[in-house]
Amino acid sequence: MVIKQFSLANAPLEPAQLWQPLANLSAGAFVSFEGWVRNHNHGKIVTALEYEVYPALALKEGEQILTEAIEKFDLLGAIASHRYGKLTLGEIAVWVGVTAPHRKQAFAGAAYIIDEIKHRLPIWKKEYYLDEPATWVYCREHHHYGLFEEAK
């Protein structure tokens, strides 16, 4: 049975709980990725991040991304979760975990999922800086950039 779960969370992500449904005796590889809130971006000191999300579309698109990854890389399972709300430094903003028969498939599948999440999900990020006003980050490379511009 292939495991596929995409979720949104407004509470801290717990990797030890997220990966458990992926346990599979047919898997030869497990790969996970954690996107953390870091303290800098483009020369500015970042103190926190805030994510806003369009939940209905994000959940639908997240499930579609996992389906594509499972089919494309013959994964045994794929789970991803993205935070929303205000996050502090060091918190996990996004978590991805995949299992596959071999490591090459698992690495490729995890990379595909995080790349597609960053490009396709309707999630917007605001950066809070030390000594500067907070700013919404313009994600020009994202597919939903036009939606963000229209909403301003």
Foldseek 3Di string as FASTA:
>chain_A
DEAEEEEEDADFDDVVVQCVVQDDPLFPDKDKDFDFAAQDDPHFGFFKKAKDAPPVQQRVVLRVQQVVLCVVLVWRYKYKYAYHGMGGGGTTGMMIMTTHNDDVSRVVSNVSSVVCSLAEGRMWMWTPTDPDHIGTDQPVNHPCSVVVVVVD
